[in-house]
């Protein structure tokens, strides 16, 4: 695609969420000359790239450099900014020419089996996001991980590093 040379669009766009979709939208809009601000509820930008994928798969230095390259395009990132629905959306829609909602799902899929709602049963994303926020309760003991996708393997590796006995 052809980004404009040095002209700036007269419109400002707000992007809510700094995960892959929000960052991609912000970068593309900035390349086309729009003034872009990204609002992120977490303390650091990146969404599930930071809070769901292990640093051994996506080193934080690389993630930080990619986010900094987007900021160098003129994108402003506002972290620790919780959007209250519907009030903040209405307020932001009056201030900005457009809003892009790129909040992600942050939800584990349920298996639909008996026992998945018992105490001590957590989803992969639920555990990993708590872990990457620094909010875990120490070594987990014996753990069964159900699944064979990237999140299940990330969780298994993380639990092993914490000293858990993991059955995948």
Foldseek 3Di string as FASTA:
>chain_A
DQADDPAADPFEEEEEAQAPVSLVVLLVNLSNRHQYEYEEQAPDGHPCNQQQADCVVVPPVNVVVSSVVSVVSNYHYHYNDDQDPPVNVVVVVVVGVYYHYDHDDLDADDPPDPPCPDPPRDGLSVVSNCVSVVNDDAQDEEDEQDDDDPSSVRSQVVNVVRVYHYDD
